[in-house]
Amino acid sequence: MDLTDAQWRTSTRSGNGECVEVADNLPGVVGVRDSKDPSGPVLVFAPPAWRAFVAVASRRTP
């Protein structure tokens, strides 16, 4: 998969910059990689799967 045009970003809540980066500007895929290893492997998700993951991961527990 060609991710050359991916625009990687980190969460604004990332304090030290050591987290995951997400590229959601590509049609039909969302790329996720380790910000400490930008040339390393990339996980690729379908946009609905990524949205579902984010929805569950962002739920706060009391």
N, C-alpha and C. Protein backbone atom coordinates (compact mmCIF):
# COMPACT_ATOMS: atom_id res chain seq x y z
N MET A 1 0.84 -1.17 0.00
CA MET A 1 0.00 0.00 0.00
C MET A 1 0.89 1.24 0.00
N ASP A 2 0.59 2.18 -0.86
CA ASP A 2 1.37 3.40 -0.98
C ASP A 2 0.85 4.45 0.00
N LEU A 3 1.67 4.78 0.98
CA LEU A 3 1.30 5.79 1.98
C LEU A 3 2.14 7.07 1.82
N THR A 4 2.69 7.26 0.63
CA THR A 4 3.56 8.40 0.37
C THR A 4 2.87 9.72 0.67
N ASP A 5 1.61 9.85 0.36
CA ASP A 5 0.89 11.11 0.55
C ASP A 5 0.22 11.22 1.92
N ALA A 6 0.50 10.28 2.79
CA ALA A 6 -0.11 10.31 4.13
C ALA A 6 0.35 11.54 4.89
N GLN A 7 -0.59 12.20 5.53
CA GLN A 7 -0.30 13.35 6.38
C GLN A 7 -0.48 12.89 7.83
N TRP A 8 0.63 12.65 8.50
CA TRP A 8 0.62 12.08 9.84
C TRP A 8 0.42 13.16 10.88
N ARG A 9 -0.36 12.83 11.90
CA ARG A 9 -0.59 13.76 13.00
C ARG A 9 -0.67 12.98 14.30
N THR A 10 -0.36 13.67 15.39
CA THR A 10 -0.51 13.08 16.72
C THR A 10 -1.66 13.79 17.42
N SER A 11 -2.13 13.20 18.46
CA SER A 11 -3.22 13.79 19.24
C SER A 11 -2.74 15.08 19.90
N THR A 12 -3.63 16.04 19.99
CA THR A 12 -3.30 17.26 20.71
C THR A 12 -3.15 16.98 22.20
N ARG A 13 -3.62 15.84 22.66
CA ARG A 13 -3.50 15.45 24.07
C ARG A 13 -2.20 14.70 24.35
N SER A 14 -1.40 14.52 23.34
CA SER A 14 -0.12 13.84 23.51
C SER A 14 0.86 14.80 24.16
N GLY A 15 1.24 14.52 25.38
CA GLY A 15 2.11 15.43 26.11
C GLY A 15 3.55 15.40 25.67
N ASN A 16 4.11 14.23 25.51
CA ASN A 16 5.54 14.14 25.21
C ASN A 16 5.84 13.74 23.77
N GLY A 17 4.83 13.58 22.96
CA GLY A 17 5.04 13.24 21.56
C GLY A 17 5.34 11.78 21.30
N GLU A 18 5.40 10.98 22.34
CA GLU A 18 5.68 9.56 22.17
C GLU A 18 4.37 8.78 22.20
N CYS A 19 3.73 8.73 21.07
CA CYS A 19 2.45 8.04 21.00
C CYS A 19 2.26 7.54 19.56
N VAL A 20 1.06 7.34 19.19
CA VAL A 20 0.78 6.93 17.82
C VAL A 20 0.51 8.14 16.95
N GLU A 21 0.77 7.99 15.68
CA GLU A 21 0.42 8.99 14.68
C GLU A 21 -0.64 8.37 13.78
N VAL A 22 -1.54 9.20 13.33
CA VAL A 22 -2.65 8.76 12.49
C VAL A 22 -2.63 9.55 11.19
N ALA A 23 -2.87 8.86 10.10
CA ALA A 23 -3.04 9.50 8.79
C ALA A 23 -4.42 9.14 8.29
N ASP A 24 -5.32 10.12 8.29
CA ASP A 24 -6.69 9.85 7.86
C ASP A 24 -7.08 10.66 6.63
N ASN A 25 -6.07 11.08 5.88
CA ASN A 25 -6.34 11.88 4.68
C ASN A 25 -6.36 11.04 3.39
N LEU A 26 -6.15 9.75 3.50
CA LEU A 26 -6.13 8.90 2.31
C LEU A 26 -7.49 8.27 2.07
N PRO A 27 -7.90 8.14 0.83
CA PRO A 27 -9.22 7.56 0.55
C PRO A 27 -9.30 6.08 0.93
N GLY A 28 -10.27 5.76 1.77
CA GLY A 28 -10.56 4.36 2.07
C GLY A 28 -9.71 3.70 3.12
N VAL A 29 -8.71 4.40 3.69
CA VAL A 29 -7.86 3.80 4.71
C VAL A 29 -7.47 4.83 5.77
N VAL A 30 -7.16 4.31 6.95
CA VAL A 30 -6.58 5.12 8.03
C VAL A 30 -5.31 4.40 8.46
N GLY A 31 -4.19 5.11 8.39
CA GLY A 31 -2.92 4.53 8.79
C GLY A 31 -2.59 4.91 10.22
N VAL A 32 -1.96 4.00 10.94
CA VAL A 32 -1.56 4.23 12.32
C VAL A 32 -0.13 3.71 12.48
N ARG A 33 0.74 4.54 13.07
CA ARG A 33 2.13 4.13 13.28
C ARG A 33 2.65 4.68 14.60
N ASP A 34 3.77 4.14 15.03
CA ASP A 34 4.45 4.58 16.25
C ASP A 34 5.22 5.86 15.93
N SER A 35 4.97 6.92 16.69
CA SER A 35 5.65 8.19 16.41
C SER A 35 7.16 8.11 16.64
N LYS A 36 7.61 7.16 17.46
CA LYS A 36 9.04 7.00 17.70
C LYS A 36 9.74 6.23 16.60
N ASP A 37 8.98 5.61 15.71
CA ASP A 37 9.55 4.81 14.63
C ASP A 37 8.79 5.09 13.33
N PRO A 38 8.90 6.31 12.80
CA PRO A 38 8.11 6.68 11.63
C PRO A 38 8.41 5.88 10.36
N SER A 39 9.55 5.23 10.31
CA SER A 39 9.84 4.40 9.14
C SER A 39 9.49 2.94 9.38
N GLY A 40 8.91 2.66 10.54
CA GLY A 40 8.55 1.30 10.90
C GLY A 40 7.21 0.89 10.31
N PRO A 41 6.66 -0.20 10.82
CA PRO A 41 5.41 -0.73 10.27
C PRO A 41 4.22 0.20 10.51
N VAL A 42 3.24 0.06 9.64
CA VAL A 42 2.01 0.85 9.72
C VAL A 42 0.83 -0.11 9.75
N LEU A 43 -0.08 0.11 10.68
CA LEU A 43 -1.33 -0.62 10.69
C LEU A 43 -2.32 0.15 9.83
N VAL A 44 -3.11 -0.55 9.06
CA VAL A 44 -4.08 0.10 8.17
C VAL A 44 -5.48 -0.40 8.52
N PHE A 45 -6.38 0.53 8.71
CA PHE A 45 -7.76 0.22 9.07
C PHE A 45 -8.73 0.81 8.07
N ALA A 46 -9.88 0.19 7.92
CA ALA A 46 -10.98 0.80 7.17
C ALA A 46 -11.52 1.93 8.04
N PRO A 47 -11.91 3.05 7.46
CA PRO A 47 -12.40 4.18 8.26
C PRO A 47 -13.50 3.83 9.28
N PRO A 48 -14.51 3.01 8.94
CA PRO A 48 -15.51 2.68 9.96
C PRO A 48 -14.92 1.92 11.15
N ALA A 49 -13.96 1.05 10.89
CA ALA A 49 -13.32 0.31 11.98
C ALA A 49 -12.52 1.26 12.87
N TRP A 50 -11.83 2.21 12.27
CA TRP A 50 -11.06 3.18 13.05
C TRP A 50 -11.98 4.05 13.90
N ARG A 51 -13.07 4.52 13.32
CA ARG A 51 -14.03 5.34 14.08
C ARG A 51 -14.60 4.55 15.26
N ALA A 52 -14.90 3.28 15.05
CA ALA A 52 -15.42 2.45 16.14
C ALA A 52 -14.37 2.29 17.24
N PHE A 53 -13.13 2.07 16.87
CA PHE A 53 -12.06 1.96 17.85
C PHE A 53 -11.92 3.24 18.67
N VAL A 54 -11.87 4.37 17.99
CA VAL A 54 -11.72 5.66 18.68
C VAL A 54 -12.90 5.90 19.62
N ALA A 55 -14.10 5.57 19.19
CA ALA A 55 -15.28 5.77 20.03
C ALA A 55 -15.17 4.97 21.32
N VAL A 56 -14.74 3.73 21.22
CA VAL A 56 -14.60 2.89 22.41
C VAL A 56 -13.42 3.36 23.26
N ALA A 57 -12.30 3.67 22.64
CA ALA A 57 -11.10 4.06 23.37
C ALA A 57 -11.26 5.40 24.08
N SER A 58 -12.12 6.25 23.57
CA SER A 58 -12.26 7.58 24.17
C SER A 58 -13.30 7.64 25.29
N ARG A 59 -13.98 6.55 25.53
CA ARG A 59 -14.94 6.52 26.64
C ARG A 59 -14.17 6.59 27.96
N ARG A 60 -14.65 7.42 28.83
CA ARG A 60 -14.02 7.57 30.14
C ARG A 60 -14.77 6.72 31.16
N THR A 61 -14.01 6.12 32.04
CA THR A 61 -14.65 5.37 33.12
C THR A 61 -14.71 6.24 34.36
N PRO A 62 -15.77 6.11 35.14
CA PRO A 62 -15.90 6.97 36.35
C PRO A 62 -14.84 6.67 37.38
